[in-house]
Amino acid sequence: MDSEQPYFFLSYARKDDRQAYVGRFYEDLLDALGLPVVGSHRQPAFRDVDSITLGHEWLLELSRAVGACRAMVARYSPAYFSRPYCGKEWTHFASRVRRYRDATDVHPRALIPVLWEPVPASLMPTEVKAVQFVEPGLGEEYVRNGLLQLMQSDPGGPAYRHVVAELAERVRRAAYFNLPVDAPPAFDLSTVEGCFPLEEAPGELAGHVRIFVAAATRSQLPQGRSRTTYYGESPWLWAPYSPPQVPTVVERAKRVIAGRASRRTWHSWALARSRSRAACGSVYLRVHTEHRSVKAHRDVAQLGSALDWGSRGRRFKSCRPDLRSSRSEVISV
């Protein structure tokens, strides 16, 4: 392998790197590929925080890696599709794959999507949707909840190891293809027009939601409890469901907020919660909206209904919005 060509490029949104999960996945993928781990004097792969060191020109190094890498591991999440440079990286690498296909009539599967968190279809442009990003062979939990949930619920477990091994095999296959290389200064990543983020349609944005979770952790259990099954390293990893593994209450709230859950799904959550009395805690949703409307209020009400599991009576509280001004609401469930 040419030392100037990274074996693969990890394209991700830094916003998603909570509690170093991205770094852990990157190291596990390197290990599955039999490549030197992070900290080696020679990096066989590219992740910005490890490969761009003090004194480097970050845009030059990023352009060089995106223009020369043999494969791209693109980590899909809502945050990923909101980042302009993630859009530039994905778009340019996809163009390298397309140019190779046009020249050889061979389609190298060198763009390897990883479902980190479930993504609303509305965030994905047509170009991204054209590339298959899930398949049954990767496991039902991964397809439904994404890799982050697997790492949180069962770190190093068989489901997670299976996905990493499959991704490593895809990277190995992709490395055999000699994609066209684009090198600086002729190639400048900043000039690429990314296919995402997509522009929001006027009037679609109802506001912003902050989720506050008051729950115990594995290291600090509620009084009288000894089982750690329903708790995580942090309060937002609380999963008071049966089974408790996936997804967490925060992830379920996010899906409802983003419109990715059907009423049938909401009902199943309510049923699961009513059968489980293993965990206690509270979820507080602070909703700040700049474009208040009756529809926005109705959406907030539906969210409260979806998270009100019904086991202890209705505790969702909200109020009709003042349509003349911006305001905040606090929802307690």
C-alpha atoms as a PDB file:
ATOM      1  CA  MET A   1       0.000   0.000   0.000  1.00  0.00           C
ATOM      2  CA  ASP A   2       1.276   3.464  -0.918  1.00  0.00           C
ATOM      3  CA  SER A   3       2.129   5.275   2.323  1.00  0.00           C
ATOM      4  CA  GLU A   4       0.496   8.406   0.879  1.00  0.00           C
ATOM      5  CA  GLN A   5      -2.826   6.584   0.477  1.00  0.00           C
ATOM      6  CA  PRO A   6      -4.696   5.994   3.749  1.00  0.00           C
ATOM      7  CA  TYR A   7      -6.223   2.521   3.926  1.00  0.00           C
ATOM      8  CA  PHE A   8      -9.492   4.177   4.849  1.00  0.00           C
ATOM      9  CA  PHE A   9     -10.779   7.613   5.816  1.00  0.00           C
ATOM     10  CA  LEU A  10     -13.183   7.941   8.751  1.00  0.00           C
ATOM     11  CA  SER A  11     -15.772  10.573   7.880  1.00  0.00           C
ATOM     12  CA  TYR A  12     -17.812  11.610  10.924  1.00  0.00           C
ATOM     13  CA  ALA A  13     -19.272  14.549  12.824  1.00  0.00           C
ATOM     14  CA  ARG A  14     -17.221  15.502  15.863  1.00  0.00           C
ATOM     15  CA  LYS A  15     -20.428  16.438  17.648  1.00  0.00           C
ATOM     16  CA  ASP A  16     -21.180  12.704  17.865  1.00  0.00           C
ATOM     17  CA  ASP A  17     -17.947  11.852  19.671  1.00  0.00           C
ATOM     18  CA  ARG A  18     -19.589  11.539  23.082  1.00  0.00           C
ATOM     19  CA  GLN A  19     -17.558   9.726  25.720  1.00  0.00           C
ATOM     20  CA  ALA A  20     -14.998   8.740  23.068  1.00  0.00           C
ATOM     21  CA  TYR A  21     -17.281   6.194  21.371  1.00  0.00           C
ATOM     22  CA  VAL A  22     -16.023   7.247  17.938  1.00  0.00           C
ATOM     23  CA  GLY A  23     -12.412   6.734  19.002  1.00  0.00           C
ATOM     24  CA  ARG A  24     -13.236   3.332  20.455  1.00  0.00           C
ATOM     25  CA  PHE A  25     -14.937   2.260  17.230  1.00  0.00           C
ATOM     26  CA  TYR A  26     -11.974   3.553  15.169  1.00  0.00           C
ATOM     27  CA  GLU A  27      -9.493   1.560  17.251  1.00  0.00           C
ATOM     28  CA  ASP A  28     -11.668  -1.565  17.118  1.00  0.00           C
ATOM     29  CA  LEU A  29     -11.862  -1.276  13.333  1.00  0.00           C
ATOM     30  CA  LEU A  30      -8.076  -0.894  13.087  1.00  0.00           C
ATOM     31  CA  ASP A  31      -7.666  -3.934  15.307  1.00  0.00           C
ATOM     32  CA  ALA A  32     -10.085  -5.987  13.174  1.00  0.00           C
ATOM     33  CA  LEU A  33      -8.062  -5.025  10.099  1.00  0.00           C
ATOM     34  CA  GLY A  34      -4.795  -5.974  11.794  1.00  0.00           C
ATOM     35  CA  LEU A  35      -3.460  -2.431  11.395  1.00  0.00           C
ATOM     36  CA  PRO A  36      -1.363  -0.455  13.920  1.00  0.00           C
ATOM     37  CA  VAL A  37      -3.535   1.132  16.549  1.00  0.00           C
ATOM     38  CA  VAL A  38      -3.752   4.831  17.271  1.00  0.00           C
ATOM     39  CA  GLY A  39      -0.464   6.141  18.618  1.00  0.00           C
ATOM     40  CA  SER A  40       1.679   4.327  16.057  1.00  0.00           C
ATOM     41  CA  HIS A  41       4.336   6.441  14.361  1.00  0.00           C
ATOM     42  CA  ARG A  42       2.772   5.596  11.002  1.00  0.00           C
ATOM     43  CA  GLN A  43      -0.968   5.909  10.677  1.00  0.00           C
ATOM     44  CA  PRO A  44      -2.420   3.466   8.119  1.00  0.00           C
ATOM     45  CA  ALA A  45      -5.842   5.118   8.247  1.00  0.00           C
ATOM     46  CA  PHE A  46      -7.090   8.667   8.633  1.00  0.00           C
ATOM     47  CA  ARG A  47      -9.106  10.187  11.459  1.00  0.00           C
ATOM     48  CA  ASP A  48      -8.663  13.923  11.771  1.00  0.00           C
ATOM     49  CA  VAL A  49      -7.923  14.139  15.503  1.00  0.00           C
ATOM     50  CA  ASP A  50      -5.241  11.443  15.229  1.00  0.00           C
ATOM     51  CA  SER A  51      -3.750  12.229  11.817  1.00  0.00           C
ATOM     52  CA  ILE A  52      -3.651  16.038  11.892  1.00  0.00           C
ATOM     53  CA  THR A  53      -1.132  17.021  14.528  1.00  0.00           C
ATOM     54  CA  LEU A  54       0.307  20.260  15.865  1.00  0.00           C
ATOM     55  CA  GLY A  55       1.643  22.477  13.091  1.00  0.00           C
ATOM     56  CA  HIS A  56      -0.147  20.731  10.228  1.00  0.00           C
ATOM     57  CA  GLU A  57      -2.319  22.677   7.790  1.00  0.00           C
ATOM     58  CA  TRP A  58      -5.637  20.976   8.524  1.00  0.00           C
ATOM     59  CA  LEU A  59      -7.305  21.751   5.192  1.00  0.00           C
ATOM     60  CA  LEU A  60      -4.270  20.546   3.222  1.00  0.00           C
ATOM     61  CA  GLU A  61      -4.106  17.293   5.203  1.00  0.00           C
ATOM     62  CA  LEU A  62      -7.857  16.759   4.946  1.00  0.00           C
ATOM     63  CA  SER A  63      -7.797  17.377   1.174  1.00  0.00           C
ATOM     64  CA  ARG A  64      -4.865  15.018   0.719  1.00  0.00           C
ATOM     65  CA  ALA A  65      -6.578  12.218   2.668  1.00  0.00           C
ATOM     66  CA  VAL A  66     -10.015  12.546   1.030  1.00  0.00           C
ATOM     67  CA  GLY A  67      -8.393  12.715  -2.406  1.00  0.00           C
ATOM     68  CA  ALA A  68      -6.190   9.634  -1.929  1.00  0.00           C
ATOM     69  CA  CYS A  69      -7.814   7.214   0.565  1.00  0.00           C
ATOM     70  CA  ARG A  70      -8.689   3.763  -0.745  1.00  0.00           C
ATOM     71  CA  ALA A  71     -11.963   3.525   1.170  1.00  0.00           C
ATOM     72  CA  MET A  72     -14.212   5.858   3.125  1.00  0.00           C
ATOM     73  CA  VAL A  73     -16.048   4.750   6.252  1.00  0.00           C
ATOM     74  CA  ALA A  74     -18.884   7.269   6.497  1.00  0.00           C
ATOM     75  CA  ARG A  75     -20.557   7.307   9.898  1.00  0.00           C
ATOM     76  CA  TYR A  76     -24.211   8.278   9.415  1.00  0.00           C
ATOM     77  CA  SER A  77     -26.094  10.246  12.067  1.00  0.00           C
ATOM     78  CA  PRO A  78     -28.379  13.298  12.108  1.00  0.00           C
ATOM     79  CA  ALA A  79     -25.365  15.430  13.077  1.00  0.00           C
ATOM     80  CA  TYR A  80     -23.331  14.005  10.174  1.00  0.00           C
ATOM     81  CA  PHE A  81     -25.878  15.203   7.630  1.00  0.00           C
ATOM     82  CA  SER A  82     -25.892  18.679   9.153  1.00  0.00           C
ATOM     83  CA  ARG A  83     -22.132  19.268   8.747  1.00  0.00           C
ATOM     84  CA  PRO A  84     -20.934  20.995   5.552  1.00  0.00           C
ATOM     85  CA  TYR A  85     -17.469  19.374   5.585  1.00  0.00           C
ATOM     86  CA  CYS A  86     -18.956  15.915   6.057  1.00  0.00           C
ATOM     87  CA  GLY A  87     -20.997  16.689   2.934  1.00  0.00           C
ATOM     88  CA  LYS A  88     -17.855  17.732   1.061  1.00  0.00           C
ATOM     89  CA  GLU A  89     -15.967  14.582   2.099  1.00  0.00           C
ATOM     90  CA  TRP A  90     -18.829  12.252   1.127  1.00  0.00           C
ATOM     91  CA  THR A  91     -19.501  14.020  -2.172  1.00  0.00           C
ATOM     92  CA  HIS A  92     -15.901  14.073  -3.369  1.00  0.00           C
ATOM     93  CA  PHE A  93     -15.182  10.468  -2.456  1.00  0.00           C
ATOM     94  CA  ALA A  94     -18.402   9.404  -4.197  1.00  0.00           C
ATOM     95  CA  SER A  95     -17.163  11.241  -7.304  1.00  0.00           C
ATOM     96  CA  ARG A  96     -13.874   9.272  -7.206  1.00  0.00           C
ATOM     97  CA  VAL A  97     -15.865   6.027  -7.065  1.00  0.00           C
ATOM     98  CA  ARG A  98     -18.046   7.188  -9.951  1.00  0.00           C
ATOM     99  CA  ARG A  99     -15.040   8.121 -12.112  1.00  0.00           C
ATOM    100  CA  TYR A 100     -13.495   4.690 -11.525  1.00  0.00           C
ATOM    101  CA  ARG A 101     -16.768   3.003 -12.469  1.00  0.00           C
ATOM    102  CA  ASP A 102     -17.112   5.080 -15.641  1.00  0.00           C
ATOM    103  CA  ALA A 103     -13.544   4.237 -16.700  1.00  0.00           C
ATOM    104  CA  THR A 104     -13.626   0.490 -15.931  1.00  0.00           C
ATOM    105  CA  ASP A 105     -17.308  -0.573 -15.863  1.00  0.00           C
ATOM    106  CA  VAL A 106     -16.547  -1.972 -12.401  1.00  0.00           C
ATOM    107  CA  HIS A 107     -18.380  -0.571  -9.374  1.00  0.00           C
ATOM    108  CA  PRO A 108     -16.053  -0.603  -6.357  1.00  0.00           C
ATOM    109  CA  ARG A 109     -17.971  -0.602  -3.093  1.00  0.00           C
ATOM    110  CA  ALA A 110     -15.406   1.644  -1.484  1.00  0.00           C
ATOM    111  CA  LEU A 111     -17.862   4.035   0.182  1.00  0.00           C
ATOM    112  CA  ILE A 112     -18.832   2.126   3.309  1.00  0.00           C
ATOM    113  CA  PRO A 113     -21.711   3.601   5.324  1.00  0.00           C
ATOM    114  CA  VAL A 114     -21.983   2.956   9.053  1.00  0.00           C
ATOM    115  CA  LEU A 115     -25.340   3.607  10.685  1.00  0.00           C
ATOM    116  CA  TRP A 116     -24.254   5.317  13.896  1.00  0.00           C
ATOM    117  CA  GLU A 117     -27.724   6.574  14.821  1.00  0.00           C
ATOM    118  CA  PRO A 118     -31.058   6.325  12.966  1.00  0.00           C
ATOM    119  CA  VAL A 119     -31.367   9.162  10.451  1.00  0.00           C
ATOM    120  CA  PRO A 120     -34.619  10.712   9.161  1.00  0.00           C
ATOM    121  CA  ALA A 121     -34.943  10.201   5.412  1.00  0.00           C
ATOM    122  CA  SER A 122     -35.607  13.930   5.078  1.00  0.00           C
ATOM    123  CA  LEU A 123     -31.963  14.650   5.977  1.00  0.00           C
ATOM    124  CA  MET A 124     -30.554  12.425   3.245  1.00  0.00           C
ATOM    125  CA  PRO A 125     -30.131  13.728  -0.303  1.00  0.00           C
ATOM    126  CA  THR A 126     -30.957  11.518  -3.268  1.00  0.00           C
ATOM    127  CA  GLU A 127     -27.269  10.708  -3.835  1.00  0.00           C
ATOM    128  CA  VAL A 128     -26.929   9.272  -0.326  1.00  0.00           C
ATOM    129  CA  LYS A 129     -30.167   7.284  -0.498  1.00  0.00           C
ATOM    130  CA  ALA A 130     -28.881   5.634  -3.684  1.00  0.00           C
ATOM    131  CA  VAL A 131     -26.135   3.889  -1.650  1.00  0.00           C
ATOM    132  CA  GLN A 132     -27.475   1.030   0.484  1.00  0.00           C
ATOM    133  CA  PHE A 133     -26.498   1.652   4.100  1.00  0.00           C
ATOM    134  CA  VAL A 134     -28.133  -1.225   6.036  1.00  0.00           C
ATOM    135  CA  GLU A 135     -28.644  -4.924   5.383  1.00  0.00           C
ATOM    136  CA  PRO A 136     -30.187  -7.767   7.449  1.00  0.00           C
ATOM    137  CA  GLY A 137     -26.849  -9.580   7.744  1.00  0.00           C
ATOM    138  CA  LEU A 138     -25.552  -6.868  10.058  1.00  0.00           C
ATOM    139  CA  GLY A 139     -28.107  -7.746  12.711  1.00  0.00           C
ATOM    140  CA  GLU A 140     -31.584  -6.566  13.646  1.00  0.00           C
ATOM    141  CA  GLU A 141     -30.435  -4.398  16.568  1.00  0.00           C
ATOM    142  CA  TYR A 142     -27.905  -2.575  14.390  1.00  0.00           C
ATOM    143  CA  VAL A 143     -30.412  -1.976  11.596  1.00  0.00           C
ATOM    144  CA  ARG A 144     -33.029  -0.666  14.017  1.00  0.00           C
ATOM    145  CA  ASN A 145     -30.933   1.342  16.475  1.00  0.00           C
ATOM    146  CA  GLY A 146     -27.478   1.910  14.999  1.00  0.00           C
ATOM    147  CA  LEU A 147     -23.963   1.117  16.169  1.00  0.00           C
ATOM    148  CA  LEU A 148     -23.848   3.648  19.004  1.00  0.00           C
ATOM    149  CA  GLN A 149     -26.703   1.894  20.810  1.00  0.00           C
ATOM    150  CA  LEU A 150     -24.884  -1.438  20.484  1.00  0.00           C
ATOM    151  CA  MET A 151     -21.769   0.093  22.026  1.00  0.00           C
ATOM    152  CA  GLN A 152     -23.749   1.633  24.882  1.00  0.00           C
ATOM    153  CA  SER A 153     -25.912  -1.354  25.692  1.00  0.00           C
ATOM    154  CA  ASP A 154     -23.356  -4.146  25.322  1.00  0.00           C
ATOM    155  CA  PRO A 155     -19.805  -2.787  24.817  1.00  0.00           C
ATOM    156  CA  GLY A 156     -17.695  -5.386  23.090  1.00  0.00           C
ATOM    157  CA  GLY A 157     -20.656  -7.755  22.828  1.00  0.00           C
ATOM    158  CA  PRO A 158     -21.168 -10.263  19.986  1.00  0.00           C
ATOM    159  CA  ALA A 159     -23.570  -8.027  18.020  1.00  0.00           C
ATOM    160  CA  TYR A 160     -21.102  -5.133  18.065  1.00  0.00           C
ATOM    161  CA  ARG A 161     -18.110  -7.347  17.210  1.00  0.00           C
ATOM    162  CA  HIS A 162     -20.040  -8.861  14.299  1.00  0.00           C
ATOM    163  CA  VAL A 163     -20.726  -5.437  12.773  1.00  0.00           C
ATOM    164  CA  VAL A 164     -17.094  -4.319  13.184  1.00  0.00           C
ATOM    165  CA  ALA A 165     -15.845  -7.546  11.568  1.00  0.00           C
ATOM    166  CA  GLU A 166     -18.206  -7.106   8.610  1.00  0.00           C
ATOM    167  CA  LEU A 167     -17.129  -3.481   8.135  1.00  0.00           C
ATOM    168  CA  ALA A 168     -13.473  -4.495   8.279  1.00  0.00           C
ATOM    169  CA  GLU A 169     -14.059  -7.045   5.524  1.00  0.00           C
ATOM    170  CA  ARG A 170     -15.707  -4.363   3.347  1.00  0.00           C
ATOM    171  CA  VAL A 171     -12.682  -2.098   3.860  1.00  0.00           C
ATOM    172  CA  ARG A 172     -10.294  -4.935   2.854  1.00  0.00           C
ATOM    173  CA  ARG A 173     -12.209  -5.530  -0.367  1.00  0.00           C
ATOM    174  CA  ALA A 174     -12.306  -1.820  -1.194  1.00  0.00           C
ATOM    175  CA  ALA A 175      -8.533  -1.472  -0.755  1.00  0.00           C
ATOM    176  CA  TYR A 176      -7.918  -3.621  -3.840  1.00  0.00           C
ATOM    177  CA  PHE A 177      -9.283  -0.936  -6.158  1.00  0.00           C
ATOM    178  CA  ASN A 178      -7.037   1.860  -7.368  1.00  0.00           C
ATOM    179  CA  LEU A 179      -9.396   4.797  -7.380  1.00  0.00           C
ATOM    180  CA  PRO A 180      -8.275   7.978  -9.143  1.00  0.00           C
ATOM    181  CA  VAL A 181      -6.209  10.148  -6.818  1.00  0.00           C
ATOM    182  CA  ASP A 182      -6.744  13.891  -6.436  1.00  0.00           C
ATOM    183  CA  ALA A 183      -3.839  15.663  -4.780  1.00  0.00           C
ATOM    184  CA  PRO A 184      -3.374  19.224  -3.523  1.00  0.00           C
ATOM    185  CA  PRO A 185      -2.809  21.917  -4.562  1.00  0.00           C
ATOM    186  CA  ALA A 186      -4.873  21.042  -7.652  1.00  0.00           C
ATOM    187  CA  PHE A 187      -7.511  19.561  -5.366  1.00  0.00           C
ATOM    188  CA  ASP A 188      -8.911  21.723  -2.558  1.00  0.00           C
ATOM    189  CA  LEU A 189     -11.668  20.129  -0.455  1.00  0.00           C
ATOM    190  CA  SER A 190     -13.034  23.537   0.551  1.00  0.00           C
ATOM    191  CA  THR A 191     -14.138  24.171  -3.054  1.00  0.00           C
ATOM    192  CA  VAL A 192     -16.266  20.997  -3.244  1.00  0.00           C
ATOM    193  CA  GLU A 193     -20.012  21.623  -3.274  1.00  0.00           C
ATOM    194  CA  GLY A 194     -21.338  18.981  -0.912  1.00  0.00           C
ATOM    195  CA  CYS A 195     -24.659  17.275  -1.563  1.00  0.00           C
ATOM    196  CA  PHE A 196     -25.590  17.926   2.075  1.00  0.00           C
ATOM    197  CA  PRO A 197     -26.672  19.475   4.382  1.00  0.00           C
ATOM    198  CA  LEU A 198     -29.977  20.000   2.637  1.00  0.00           C
ATOM    199  CA  GLU A 199     -31.643  23.379   2.838  1.00  0.00           C
ATOM    200  CA  GLU A 200     -34.634  23.435   5.139  1.00  0.00           C
ATOM    201  CA  ALA A 201     -37.943  24.212   3.519  1.00  0.00           C
ATOM    202  CA  PRO A 202     -39.469  27.476   4.793  1.00  0.00           C
ATOM    203  CA  GLY A 203     -41.728  26.939   7.770  1.00  0.00           C
ATOM    204  CA  GLU A 204     -40.609  23.359   8.480  1.00  0.00           C
ATOM    205  CA  LEU A 205     -38.496  24.178  11.506  1.00  0.00           C
ATOM    206  CA  ALA A 206     -40.652  24.309  14.609  1.00  0.00           C
ATOM    207  CA  GLY A 207     -37.834  24.948  17.099  1.00  0.00           C
ATOM    208  CA  HIS A 208     -35.234  23.262  19.271  1.00  0.00           C
ATOM    209  CA  VAL A 209     -35.699  20.679  21.979  1.00  0.00           C
ATOM    210  CA  ARG A 210     -33.433  20.183  24.967  1.00  0.00           C
ATOM    211  CA  ILE A 211     -33.741  16.901  26.825  1.00  0.00           C
ATOM    212  CA  PHE A 212     -32.877  16.846  30.520  1.00  0.00           C
ATOM    213  CA  VAL A 213     -32.719  13.438  32.179  1.00  0.00           C
ATOM    214  CA  ALA A 214     -32.772  12.973  35.946  1.00  0.00           C
ATOM    215  CA  ALA A 215     -31.797   9.329  36.442  1.00  0.00           C
ATOM    216  CA  ALA A 216     -29.363   7.153  38.338  1.00  0.00           C
ATOM    217  CA  THR A 217     -26.164   5.659  36.889  1.00  0.00           C
ATOM    218  CA  ARG A 218     -24.447   2.299  37.264  1.00  0.00           C
ATOM    219  CA  SER A 219     -22.038   3.757  39.790  1.00  0.00           C
ATOM    220  CA  GLN A 220     -24.780   5.551  41.742  1.00  0.00           C
ATOM    221  CA  LEU A 221     -27.873   3.363  41.933  1.00  0.00           C
ATOM    222  CA  PRO A 222     -31.141   4.490  43.549  1.00  0.00           C
ATOM    223  CA  GLN A 223     -31.582   3.532  47.176  1.00  0.00           C
ATOM    224  CA  GLY A 224     -32.724  -0.042  47.561  1.00  0.00           C
ATOM    225  CA  ARG A 225     -31.669  -1.171  44.087  1.00  0.00           C
ATOM    226  CA  SER A 226     -28.799  -3.500  43.220  1.00  0.00           C
ATOM    227  CA  ARG A 227     -29.329  -4.319  39.516  1.00  0.00           C
ATOM    228  CA  THR A 228     -27.403  -2.156  37.084  1.00  0.00           C
ATOM    229  CA  THR A 229     -29.114  -3.498  33.951  1.00  0.00           C
ATOM    230  CA  TYR A 230     -31.260  -0.452  33.299  1.00  0.00           C
ATOM    231  CA  TYR A 231     -28.583   2.161  33.933  1.00  0.00           C
ATOM    232  CA  GLY A 232     -25.611   3.448  31.967  1.00  0.00           C
ATOM    233  CA  GLU A 233     -22.413   5.366  32.607  1.00  0.00           C
ATOM    234  CA  SER A 234     -24.402   8.612  32.431  1.00  0.00           C
ATOM    235  CA  PRO A 235     -28.039   9.585  33.178  1.00  0.00           C
ATOM    236  CA  TRP A 236     -28.883   9.936  29.469  1.00  0.00           C
ATOM    237  CA  LEU A 237     -28.091   6.226  28.955  1.00  0.00           C
ATOM    238  CA  TRP A 238     -31.036   5.285  31.192  1.00  0.00           C
ATOM    239  CA  ALA A 239     -33.153   2.555  29.537  1.00  0.00           C
ATOM    240  CA  PRO A 240     -36.233   1.858  31.710  1.00  0.00           C
ATOM    241  CA  TYR A 241     -37.727  -0.690  29.333  1.00  0.00           C
ATOM    242  CA  SER A 242     -38.164  -4.408  28.992  1.00  0.00           C
ATOM    243  CA  PRO A 243     -35.821  -5.571  27.602  1.00  0.00           C
ATOM    244  CA  PRO A 244     -33.670  -2.704  28.892  1.00  0.00           C
ATOM    245  CA  GLN A 245     -30.832  -2.757  26.375  1.00  0.00           C
ATOM    246  CA  VAL A 246     -31.962  -0.571  23.482  1.00  0.00           C
ATOM    247  CA  PRO A 247     -32.809   2.076  22.819  1.00  0.00           C
ATOM    248  CA  THR A 248     -32.455   4.530  25.696  1.00  0.00           C
ATOM    249  CA  VAL A 249     -35.248   6.874  26.728  1.00  0.00           C
ATOM    250  CA  VAL A 250     -33.320   9.794  25.211  1.00  0.00           C
ATOM    251  CA  GLU A 251     -33.021   8.030  21.861  1.00  0.00           C
ATOM    252  CA  ARG A 252     -36.745   7.264  21.876  1.00  0.00           C
ATOM    253  CA  ALA A 253     -37.546  10.878  22.663  1.00  0.00           C
ATOM    254  CA  LYS A 254     -35.290  12.027  19.828  1.00  0.00           C
ATOM    255  CA  ARG A 255     -37.078   9.741  17.381  1.00  0.00           C
ATOM    256  CA  VAL A 256     -40.471  11.101  18.353  1.00  0.00           C
ATOM    257  CA  ILE A 257     -39.200  14.676  18.119  1.00  0.00           C
ATOM    258  CA  ALA A 258     -37.765  14.022  14.665  1.00  0.00           C
ATOM    259  CA  GLY A 259     -40.962  12.348  13.493  1.00  0.00           C
ATOM    260  CA  ARG A 260     -39.358   8.929  13.090  1.00  0.00           C
ATOM    261  CA  ALA A 261     -41.830   6.958  15.215  1.00  0.00           C
ATOM    262  CA  SER A 262     -45.285   5.728  14.340  1.00  0.00           C
ATOM    263  CA  ARG A 263     -48.205   5.602  16.761  1.00  0.00           C
ATOM    264  CA  ARG A 264     -47.852   1.816  16.832  1.00  0.00           C
ATOM    265  CA  THR A 265     -44.260   2.253  17.983  1.00  0.00           C
ATOM    266  CA  TRP A 266     -45.392   4.672  20.673  1.00  0.00           C
ATOM    267  CA  HIS A 267     -47.931   2.115  21.874  1.00  0.00           C
ATOM    268  CA  SER A 268     -45.266  -0.609  22.079  1.00  0.00           C
ATOM    269  CA  TRP A 269     -43.104   1.692  24.185  1.00  0.00           C
ATOM    270  CA  ALA A 270     -46.025   2.309  26.539  1.00  0.00           C
ATOM    271  CA  LEU A 271     -46.670  -1.414  26.845  1.00  0.00           C
ATOM    272  CA  ALA A 272     -43.007  -2.159  27.512  1.00  0.00           C
ATOM    273  CA  ARG A 273     -42.840   0.488  30.199  1.00  0.00           C
ATOM    274  CA  SER A 274     -46.047  -0.671  31.909  1.00  0.00           C
ATOM    275  CA  ARG A 275     -44.579  -4.169  32.225  1.00  0.00           C
ATOM    276  CA  SER A 276     -41.308  -2.974  33.655  1.00  0.00           C
ATOM    277  CA  ARG A 277     -40.939  -1.482  37.123  1.00  0.00           C
ATOM    278  CA  ALA A 278     -37.184  -1.915  37.312  1.00  0.00           C
ATOM    279  CA  ALA A 279     -36.020   1.688  37.045  1.00  0.00           C
ATOM    280  CA  CYS A 280     -37.046   5.096  38.239  1.00  0.00           C
ATOM    281  CA  GLY A 281     -36.234   8.570  37.030  1.00  0.00           C
ATOM    282  CA  SER A 282     -37.632  11.543  35.168  1.00  0.00           C
ATOM    283  CA  VAL A 283     -37.344  13.089  31.741  1.00  0.00           C
ATOM    284  CA  TYR A 284     -37.656  16.832  31.354  1.00  0.00           C
ATOM    285  CA  LEU A 285     -37.973  18.240  27.853  1.00  0.00           C
ATOM    286  CA  ARG A 286     -37.373  21.937  27.458  1.00  0.00           C
ATOM    287  CA  VAL A 287     -38.855  23.044  24.162  1.00  0.00           C
ATOM    288  CA  HIS A 288     -37.779  26.395  22.763  1.00  0.00           C
ATOM    289  CA  THR A 289     -39.473  27.375  19.542  1.00  0.00           C
ATOM    290  CA  GLU A 290     -38.903  30.408  17.388  1.00  0.00           C
ATOM    291  CA  HIS A 291     -41.795  29.787  15.004  1.00  0.00           C
ATOM    292  CA  ARG A 292     -44.685  28.940  17.263  1.00  0.00           C
ATOM    293  CA  SER A 293     -47.863  27.566  15.762  1.00  0.00           C
ATOM    294  CA  VAL A 294     -50.791  25.367  16.639  1.00  0.00           C
ATOM    295  CA  LYS A 295     -49.026  22.548  14.760  1.00  0.00           C
ATOM    296  CA  ALA A 296     -45.893  23.023  16.853  1.00  0.00           C
ATOM    297  CA  HIS A 297     -47.982  22.808  20.021  1.00  0.00           C
ATOM    298  CA  ARG A 298     -49.696  19.659  18.745  1.00  0.00           C
ATOM    299  CA  ASP A 299     -46.311  18.069  18.006  1.00  0.00           C
ATOM    300  CA  VAL A 300     -45.170  18.823  21.547  1.00  0.00           C
ATOM    301  CA  ALA A 301     -48.364  17.295  22.915  1.00  0.00           C
ATOM    302  CA  GLN A 302     -47.838  14.142  20.854  1.00  0.00           C
ATOM    303  CA  LEU A 303     -44.316  13.859  22.220  1.00  0.00           C
ATOM    304  CA  GLY A 304     -45.618  14.008  25.768  1.00  0.00           C
ATOM    305  CA  SER A 305     -48.209  11.364  24.976  1.00  0.00           C
ATOM    306  CA  ALA A 306     -45.571   9.099  23.444  1.00  0.00           C
ATOM    307  CA  LEU A 307     -43.383   9.286  26.516  1.00  0.00           C
ATOM    308  CA  ASP A 308     -46.202   9.081  29.062  1.00  0.00           C
ATOM    309  CA  TRP A 309     -46.093   5.295  29.519  1.00  0.00           C
ATOM    310  CA  GLY A 310     -49.380   5.176  31.352  1.00  0.00           C
ATOM    311  CA  SER A 311     -48.224   3.037  34.283  1.00  0.00           C
ATOM    312  CA  ARG A 312     -48.790   5.755  36.881  1.00  0.00           C
ATOM    313  CA  GLY A 313     -51.456   7.916  35.304  1.00  0.00           C
ATOM    314  CA  ARG A 314     -51.081  10.873  33.002  1.00  0.00           C
ATOM    315  CA  ARG A 315     -48.339  13.240  34.124  1.00  0.00           C
ATOM    316  CA  PHE A 316     -47.706  15.172  30.933  1.00  0.00           C
ATOM    317  CA  LYS A 317     -48.167  18.884  31.384  1.00  0.00           C
ATOM    318  CA  SER A 318     -48.071  21.574  28.735  1.00  0.00           C
ATOM    319  CA  CYS A 319     -49.970  24.707  27.830  1.00  0.00           C
ATOM    320  CA  ARG A 320     -51.326  26.324  24.715  1.00  0.00           C
ATOM    321  CA  PRO A 321     -48.615  28.477  23.150  1.00  0.00           C
ATOM    322  CA  ASP A 322     -48.768  32.243  22.913  1.00  0.00           C
ATOM    323  CA  LEU A 323     -48.728  32.588  19.142  1.00  0.00           C
ATOM    324  CA  ARG A 324     -47.585  36.199  19.370  1.00  0.00           C
ATOM    325  CA  SER A 325     -44.132  35.515  20.774  1.00  0.00           C
ATOM    326  CA  SER A 326     -41.408  32.941  21.221  1.00  0.00           C
ATOM    327  CA  ARG A 327     -41.516  30.999  24.442  1.00  0.00           C
ATOM    328  CA  SER A 328     -40.353  27.845  26.169  1.00  0.00           C
ATOM    329  CA  GLU A 329     -42.298  24.936  27.556  1.00  0.00           C
ATOM    330  CA  VAL A 330     -41.201  22.373  30.070  1.00  0.00           C
ATOM    331  CA  ILE A 331     -42.600  18.892  29.731  1.00  0.00           C
ATOM    332  CA  SER A 332     -42.307  16.478  32.634  1.00  0.00           C
ATOM    333  CA  VAL A 333     -43.054  12.812  32.082  1.00  0.00           C
END
